[in-house]
Protein backbone atom coordinates (compact mmCIF):
# COMPACT_ATOMS: atom_id res chain seq x y z
CA UNK A 1 69.58 87.94 71.38
CA UNK A 2 69.57 84.14 71.14
CA UNK A 3 67.33 81.82 69.16
CA UNK A 4 63.76 81.95 70.43
CA UNK A 5 63.93 85.71 71.09
CA UNK A 6 65.40 85.48 74.59
CA UNK A 7 67.60 88.30 75.86
CA UNK A 8 70.46 88.65 78.31
CA UNK A 9 69.19 90.14 81.60
CA UNK A 10 72.52 90.21 83.42
CA UNK A 11 76.07 88.94 83.34
CA UNK A 12 77.60 87.29 86.40
CA UNK A 13 81.35 87.17 87.01
CA UNK A 14 83.05 84.21 88.72
CA UNK A 15 86.38 83.26 90.17
CA UNK A 16 86.17 79.50 89.70
CA UNK A 17 82.78 78.61 91.21
CA UNK A 18 82.62 81.71 93.44
CA UNK A 19 80.51 84.61 92.20
CA UNK A 20 82.30 87.93 92.72
CA UNK A 21 79.83 90.32 91.09
CA UNK A 22 77.35 91.01 88.32
CA UNK A 23 76.12 93.72 85.97
CA UNK A 24 72.61 94.12 84.52
CA UNK A 25 73.39 96.74 81.89
CA UNK A 26 75.61 96.74 78.82
CA UNK A 27 78.51 97.07 78.53
CA UNK A 28 78.68 94.33 81.15
CA UNK A 29 81.62 94.81 83.51
CA UNK A 30 82.63 94.52 87.15
CA UNK A 31 85.45 96.16 89.10
CA UNK A 32 86.82 93.58 91.52
CA UNK A 33 88.84 95.10 94.34
CA UNK A 34 90.76 93.50 97.18
CA UNK A 35 91.85 90.55 95.06
CA UNK A 36 94.14 88.19 96.95
CA UNK A 37 97.51 87.29 95.46
CA UNK A 38 97.71 83.95 93.63
CA UNK A 39 96.01 82.21 90.71
CA UNK A 40 92.41 82.93 89.66
CA UNK A 41 90.19 81.34 87.02
CA UNK A 42 87.83 84.06 85.75
CA UNK A 43 84.73 83.60 83.63
CA UNK A 44 81.53 85.42 82.70
CA UNK A 45 78.08 83.80 82.87
CA UNK A 46 75.27 85.15 80.68
CA UNK A 47 71.82 84.82 82.28
CA UNK A 48 68.83 84.97 79.90
CA UNK A 49 65.27 86.04 80.62
CA UNK A 50 64.13 82.42 80.33
CA UNK A 51 66.56 81.41 83.08
CA UNK A 52 69.08 79.64 80.89
CA UNK A 53 72.78 80.47 81.14
CA UNK A 54 75.89 80.37 79.03
CA UNK A 55 79.45 80.49 80.38
CA UNK A 56 82.41 82.05 78.65
CA UNK A 57 85.73 80.32 78.40
CA UNK A 58 87.82 80.75 81.54
CA UNK A 59 90.76 83.18 81.66
CA UNK A 60 93.61 82.29 83.97
CA UNK A 61 95.05 85.23 85.89
CA UNK A 62 97.89 85.36 88.41
CA UNK A 63 97.86 88.27 90.87
CA UNK A 64 101.36 89.01 92.14
CA UNK A 65 102.11 90.12 95.67
CA UNK A 66 102.13 93.93 95.78
CA UNK A 67 104.26 96.20 97.91
CA UNK A 68 102.39 98.54 100.29
CA UNK A 69 100.57 101.54 98.86
CA UNK A 70 101.21 104.98 100.37
CA UNK A 71 97.97 106.91 100.02
CA UNK A 72 98.90 110.04 102.01
CA UNK A 73 102.41 111.38 101.57
CA UNK A 74 104.33 113.38 104.22
CA UNK A 75 103.98 117.13 103.74
CA UNK A 76 106.68 119.77 103.82
CA UNK A 77 106.74 122.01 106.90
CA UNK A 78 108.00 125.42 107.88
CA UNK A 79 108.37 125.56 111.67
CA UNK A 80 109.93 127.99 114.13
CA UNK A 81 113.20 126.75 115.65
CA UNK A 82 112.67 124.99 118.96
CA UNK A 83 109.08 123.92 118.27
CA UNK A 84 107.98 120.32 117.56
CA UNK A 85 107.28 119.00 114.08
CA UNK A 86 105.51 115.83 112.95
CA UNK A 87 105.66 114.04 109.62
CA UNK A 88 103.15 111.29 108.86
CA UNK A 89 101.89 108.98 106.13
CA UNK A 90 98.93 106.69 105.51
CA UNK A 91 99.70 103.31 103.95
CA UNK A 92 98.07 99.93 103.33
CA UNK A 93 99.16 96.50 102.17
CA UNK A 94 98.15 92.83 102.07
CA UNK A 95 101.43 91.28 103.16
CA UNK A 96 100.82 91.21 106.89
CA UNK A 97 101.79 93.98 109.27
CA UNK A 98 103.42 97.14 107.97
CA UNK A 99 106.86 98.26 109.09
CA UNK A 100 108.09 101.86 108.85
CA UNK A 101 111.60 103.25 108.62
CA UNK A 102 112.09 107.03 108.52
CA UNK A 103 115.14 108.61 106.93
CA UNK A 104 116.53 112.14 106.64
CA UNK A 105 118.75 113.88 104.11
CA UNK A 106 120.72 117.10 104.55
CA UNK A 107 122.03 117.23 101.00
CA UNK A 108 118.84 117.55 99.01
CA UNK A 109 118.14 113.83 98.78
CA UNK A 110 121.48 112.67 97.41
CA UNK A 111 122.13 110.55 100.51
CA UNK A 112 119.78 109.36 103.23
CA UNK A 113 120.43 108.51 106.88
CA UNK A 114 118.29 105.94 108.68
CA UNK A 115 116.69 107.23 111.88
CA UNK A 116 116.78 104.61 114.63
CA UNK A 117 113.61 103.71 116.52
CA UNK A 118 111.18 105.21 114.01
CA UNK A 119 108.87 102.25 113.30
CA UNK A 120 105.64 104.22 113.12
CA UNK A 121 103.48 105.91 110.50
CA UNK A 122 104.47 109.25 112.03
CA UNK A 123 107.75 110.76 113.14
CA UNK A 124 107.94 113.66 115.61
CA UNK A 125 110.88 115.91 116.37
CA UNK A 126 110.49 117.39 119.84
CA UNK A 127 112.48 120.53 119.00
CA UNK A 128 113.44 121.35 115.42
CA UNK A 129 116.92 122.77 114.98
CA UNK A 130 118.26 121.61 111.61
CA UNK A 131 116.74 121.88 108.15
CA UNK A 132 116.34 118.45 106.58
CA UNK A 133 114.30 116.37 104.15
CA UNK A 134 112.37 113.38 105.48
CA UNK A 135 110.93 110.26 103.87
CA UNK A 136 109.74 106.85 105.06
CA UNK A 137 110.12 103.32 103.70
CA UNK A 138 106.96 101.24 104.26
CA UNK A 139 107.39 97.48 103.97
CA UNK A 140 105.61 94.17 104.51
CA UNK A 141 106.10 90.58 103.38
CA UNK A 142 105.36 91.59 99.78
CA UNK A 143 107.96 94.32 99.41
CA UNK A 144 108.70 97.95 100.20
CA UNK A 145 107.56 101.36 99.00
CA UNK A 146 109.30 104.70 99.58
CA UNK A 147 107.35 107.87 100.22
CA UNK A 148 107.94 111.22 98.58
CA UNK A 149 110.40 113.47 100.39
CA UNK A 150 109.09 116.26 102.64
CA UNK A 151 111.22 119.28 103.45
CA UNK A 152 111.57 120.80 106.91
CA UNK A 153 112.39 124.51 106.76
CA UNK A 154 113.43 126.18 110.02
CA UNK A 155 112.18 129.70 110.73
CA UNK A 156 114.44 131.88 112.84
CA UNK A 157 113.20 132.62 116.34
CA UNK A 158 111.55 136.08 116.20
CA UNK A 159 113.00 139.11 117.93
CA UNK A 160 111.86 139.79 121.48
CA UNK A 161 108.92 142.17 121.62
CA UNK A 162 107.55 141.38 118.17
CA UNK A 163 104.06 140.04 117.67
CA UNK A 164 105.38 136.62 116.64
CA UNK A 165 107.46 136.54 119.84
CA UNK A 166 104.37 137.34 121.91
CA UNK A 167 102.37 134.61 120.18
CA UNK A 168 105.08 131.97 120.57
CA UNK A 169 105.47 132.76 124.28
CA UNK A 170 101.89 131.50 124.67
CA UNK A 171 102.78 128.18 122.99
CA UNK A 172 100.28 127.94 120.10
CA UNK A 173 99.38 124.59 118.58
CA UNK A 174 98.72 126.34 115.26
CA UNK A 175 99.97 129.69 113.98
CA UNK A 176 99.19 131.04 110.52
CA UNK A 177 101.06 134.33 110.17
CA UNK A 178 99.57 134.78 106.68
CA UNK A 179 102.67 136.64 105.54
CA UNK A 180 103.26 134.62 102.37
CA UNK A 181 103.68 136.60 99.17
CA UNK A 182 102.64 133.91 96.67
CA UNK A 183 101.45 130.33 96.36
CA UNK A 184 98.41 128.36 97.46
CA UNK A 185 99.58 127.29 100.93
CA UNK A 186 99.11 129.15 104.23
CA UNK A 187 101.87 127.74 106.41
CA UNK A 188 101.25 126.86 110.04
CA UNK A 189 104.58 127.74 111.65
CA UNK A 190 103.75 126.12 114.99
CA UNK A 191 101.86 122.90 114.31
CA UNK A 192 102.35 122.04 110.66
CA UNK A 193 98.63 122.27 109.83
CA UNK A 194 99.29 123.94 106.51
CA UNK A 195 96.17 125.44 104.99
CA UNK A 196 95.11 125.17 101.36
CA UNK A 197 93.83 128.37 99.74
CA UNK A 198 90.44 127.78 98.13
CA UNK A 199 89.05 129.85 95.23
CA UNK A 200 91.94 132.29 95.09
CA UNK A 201 92.32 134.46 98.20
CA UNK A 202 94.94 137.13 97.51
CA UNK A 203 98.17 137.62 99.46
CA UNK A 204 98.81 141.19 100.54
CA UNK A 205 102.54 141.29 101.37
CA UNK A 206 102.31 144.74 102.96
CA UNK A 207 98.61 144.96 103.76
CA UNK A 208 98.32 143.36 107.20
CA UNK A 209 98.36 144.61 110.73
CA UNK A 210 101.64 142.72 111.22
CA UNK A 211 103.46 142.43 107.91
CA UNK A 212 101.34 140.82 105.23
CA UNK A 213 97.78 139.50 105.30
CA UNK A 214 95.34 137.38 103.33
CA UNK A 215 92.57 139.26 101.50
CA UNK A 216 89.20 137.55 101.05
CA UNK A 217 86.75 138.89 98.46
CA UNK A 218 83.08 139.76 98.74
CA UNK A 219 81.97 137.06 96.31
CA UNK A 220 81.55 134.66 99.21
CA UNK A 221 83.75 131.84 97.96
CA UNK A 222 87.30 132.36 99.25
CA UNK A 223 88.74 130.73 102.36
CA UNK A 224 91.56 128.55 103.73
CA UNK A 225 91.09 124.87 104.54
CA UNK A 226 93.33 124.11 107.51
CA UNK A 227 92.67 120.36 107.41
CA UNK A 228 91.76 117.92 110.18
CA UNK A 229 94.87 118.19 112.34
CA UNK A 230 93.37 120.18 115.23
CA UNK A 231 91.36 118.29 117.85
CA UNK A 232 89.57 120.80 120.11
CA UNK A 233 86.60 118.71 121.28
CA UNK A 234 86.11 118.56 125.06
CA UNK A 235 89.29 120.58 125.63
CA UNK A 236 90.29 124.02 126.83
CA UNK A 237 91.45 126.25 123.98
CA UNK A 238 91.90 129.82 122.80
CA UNK A 239 91.72 131.52 119.40
CA UNK A 240 93.34 134.80 118.40
CA UNK A 241 93.19 136.70 115.11
CA UNK A 242 93.53 140.16 113.63
CA UNK A 243 90.44 140.78 111.49
CA UNK A 244 89.57 143.58 109.08
CA UNK A 245 86.06 143.82 107.62
CA UNK A 246 85.01 145.33 104.31
CA UNK A 247 81.26 144.84 104.72
CA UNK A 248 78.69 144.89 107.52
CA UNK A 249 75.46 143.10 108.37
CA UNK A 250 76.46 139.55 107.43
CA UNK A 251 77.68 136.41 109.14
CA UNK A 252 81.47 136.29 108.75
CA UNK A 253 83.42 133.60 110.57
CA UNK A 254 87.19 134.04 110.82
CA UNK A 255 87.66 130.53 112.28
CA UNK A 256 85.22 127.63 112.19
CA UNK A 257 85.08 123.85 112.52
CA UNK A 258 82.56 121.03 112.86
CA UNK A 259 78.94 120.86 111.74
CA UNK A 260 75.58 122.55 112.24
CA UNK A 261 74.61 120.49 115.26
CA UNK A 262 74.29 121.57 118.89
CA UNK A 263 77.73 121.83 120.53
CA UNK A 264 79.38 120.56 117.33
CA UNK A 265 79.84 123.79 115.36
CA UNK A 266 82.65 126.16 116.32
CA UNK A 267 82.21 129.69 114.98
CA UNK A 268 84.52 132.61 115.80
CA UNK A 269 83.58 135.82 114.05
CA UNK A 270 80.73 138.21 113.31
CA UNK A 271 76.99 137.71 113.20
CA UNK A 272 74.76 139.62 110.78
CA UNK A 273 73.83 141.84 113.76
CA UNK A 274 77.51 143.00 113.79
CA UNK A 275 77.96 141.42 117.20
CA UNK A 276 80.98 139.19 117.68
CA UNK A 277 80.33 135.55 118.52
CA UNK A 278 82.28 132.67 120.02
CA UNK A 279 79.81 129.90 119.33
CA UNK A 280 79.59 126.13 119.71
CA UNK A 281 76.27 126.07 117.75
CA UNK A 282 73.21 126.48 119.92
CA UNK A 283 75.59 127.13 122.82
CA UNK A 284 76.86 130.62 122.13
CA UNK A 285 78.55 133.68 123.58
CA UNK A 286 77.87 136.99 121.78
CA UNK A 287 79.02 140.49 122.61
CA UNK A 288 76.38 142.94 123.81
CA UNK A 289 77.91 145.70 121.69
CA UNK A 290 78.05 145.87 117.91
CA UNK A 291 81.24 146.57 115.95
CA UNK A 292 81.05 148.41 112.64
CA UNK A 293 84.47 149.92 111.94
CA UNK A 294 86.66 148.88 109.03
CA UNK A 295 89.94 148.88 110.97
CA UNK A 296 92.24 146.03 111.91
CA UNK A 297 91.12 144.70 115.31
CA UNK A 298 92.52 141.96 117.52
CA UNK A 299 89.94 139.40 118.65
CA UNK A 300 90.54 136.58 121.12
CA UNK A 301 88.24 133.88 122.45
CA UNK A 302 89.14 131.69 125.44
CA UNK A 303 87.41 128.58 126.74
CA UNK A 304 88.05 126.60 129.94
CA UNK A 305 86.72 123.04 129.58
CA UNK A 306 86.83 122.46 133.37
CA UNK A 307 84.75 125.46 134.45
CA UNK A 308 83.13 125.97 131.02
CA UNK A 309 84.01 129.67 131.31
CA UNK A 310 84.08 131.36 127.91
CA UNK A 311 85.32 134.89 127.15
CA UNK A 312 85.74 137.28 124.23
CA UNK A 313 88.44 139.98 124.11
CA UNK A 314 88.53 143.00 121.78
CA UNK A 315 91.87 144.76 121.36
CA UNK A 316 93.18 143.40 124.65
CA UNK A 317 90.04 144.10 126.72
CA UNK A 318 87.42 141.57 127.84
CA UNK A 319 84.05 142.46 126.28
CA UNK A 320 81.93 139.34 126.91
CA UNK A 321 81.90 136.36 129.27
CA UNK A 322 79.62 133.51 130.21
CA UNK A 323 79.37 129.84 131.08
CA UNK A 324 78.85 127.37 128.25
CA UNK A 325 76.14 124.75 128.66
CA UNK A 326 78.54 122.04 127.41
CA UNK A 327 82.00 121.62 125.96
CA UNK A 328 82.61 122.03 122.27
CA UNK A 329 82.37 118.56 120.70
CA UNK A 330 82.95 119.06 116.99
CA UNK A 331 85.62 117.62 114.72
CA UNK A 332 86.73 117.83 111.10
CA UNK A 333 88.36 120.41 108.87
CA UNK A 334 89.24 123.78 110.34
CA UNK A 335 88.35 126.73 108.12
CA UNK A 336 89.83 130.22 108.08
CA UNK A 337 87.58 132.86 106.55
CA UNK A 338 84.37 130.84 106.33
CA UNK A 339 82.21 128.37 108.17
CA UNK A 340 79.91 125.48 107.27
CA UNK A 341 80.00 126.13 103.52
CA UNK A 342 78.91 129.74 103.94
CA UNK A 343 79.50 132.76 106.23
CA UNK A 344 82.55 133.97 104.30
CA UNK A 345 84.72 136.84 105.50
CA UNK A 346 84.67 139.89 103.26
CA UNK A 347 87.89 141.62 104.23
CA UNK A 348 91.22 140.27 105.45
CA UNK A 349 92.81 138.04 108.09
CA UNK A 350 96.19 138.25 109.76
CA UNK A 351 98.11 136.40 112.50
CA UNK A 352 95.62 133.60 113.28
CA UNK A 353 96.65 131.37 116.18
CA UNK A 354 95.08 128.55 118.19
CA UNK A 355 96.17 127.35 121.62
CA UNK A 356 95.31 124.31 123.74
CA UNK A 357 95.31 126.50 126.86
CA UNK A 358 93.29 129.40 128.25
CA UNK A 359 95.23 132.56 127.42
CA UNK A 360 95.57 134.93 130.36
CA UNK A 361 94.59 138.61 130.12
CA UNK A 362 98.31 139.41 130.30
CA UNK A 363 99.07 137.12 127.35
CA UNK A 364 96.31 138.72 125.32
CA UNK A 365 97.33 142.30 126.11
CA UNK A 366 100.96 141.48 125.30
CA UNK A 367 99.97 140.18 121.87
CA UNK A 368 97.73 143.17 121.16
CA UNK A 369 100.36 145.73 122.12
CA UNK A 370 103.04 143.89 120.16
CA UNK A 371 100.72 143.85 117.15
CA UNK A 372 100.44 147.63 117.38
CA UNK A 373 104.22 147.84 117.22
CA UNK A 374 104.45 149.43 120.66
CA UNK A 375 105.87 148.25 123.98
CA UNK A 376 104.39 144.98 125.15
CA UNK A 377 103.70 143.70 128.64
CA UNK A 378 107.02 142.23 129.78
CA UNK A 379 107.25 138.48 130.09
CA UNK A 380 108.22 137.45 133.63
CA UNK A 381 110.26 134.30 134.26
CA UNK A 382 110.58 133.10 137.85
CA UNK A 383 113.73 131.30 138.90
CA UNK A 384 114.66 129.76 142.23
């Protein structure tokens, strides 16, 4: 309050004569982001209800050049030998263009070797063979920043005839075995799309159809967030999963992505009618039969983006087919065990895999038989 009863209605903030912001409520403050390096003369201007103003004394500030900021660090991966692996970061800076230099260490980070020709925010190994730690140095005219180290763990190629062998023969782009015994990460052993466990799903080391499994409760809150790494829109793809239900008569999606908009919502799982669905939201394929048992069952959905042919397989046998009205067009996080903030699985999931191809009936039967632990359809390799 100033003489005459006038009151402050706002405070304006200036860099020299340039207004950068204002605040109309006490305590008067302004967060100024994106400030350029160099000298700045900062002051506050009080504006009263009568229109008069009063400036504070100026404060001289020098903003130093800052090295790039790494906002997304590379993540550790566990990948089967012979498959590709990609490490990536997100970074920003105000010193011109960013340069990247990836390095690897085989001695736990004591020494680092520079990898030639790796000037990119991502680094891909075409065929992983050696365990190593990876990091990247991001630099610009203002300096350099070094990322956290990410560890690459190599999984041994599975024995011929096992379920993992059958899955890998079909070249998945994501493969969550769900055989972990502890921790909050579901590792993708094919594509590095590691999933984060949400609200405490429970590992069952000996409770799956193939080894362990992930149990999801009936409270309707537990699932796995597989992140945004899988782009399925306008593409051919297949989904396979062993699913065990503990309740009936409810929507339960084992795999989902996208949003509740026509052709933008992928849902792979059960409807409340107990029919199985392979849905793109408003563009759906459902089984004619209902399924009400509480056993482990192997479900596969295939989609051909060229012909728009869509099929559902149950334990190695085709049980539904049709032609989609349009390709799936959704994007975003991929969820295991729920969909669209609801539709949670009450039961368990095992051996979830996604492919960027249309699995053949032979591929599907091979995986089903291998999952049962019996003889699988032999893989045939033609040579000239």
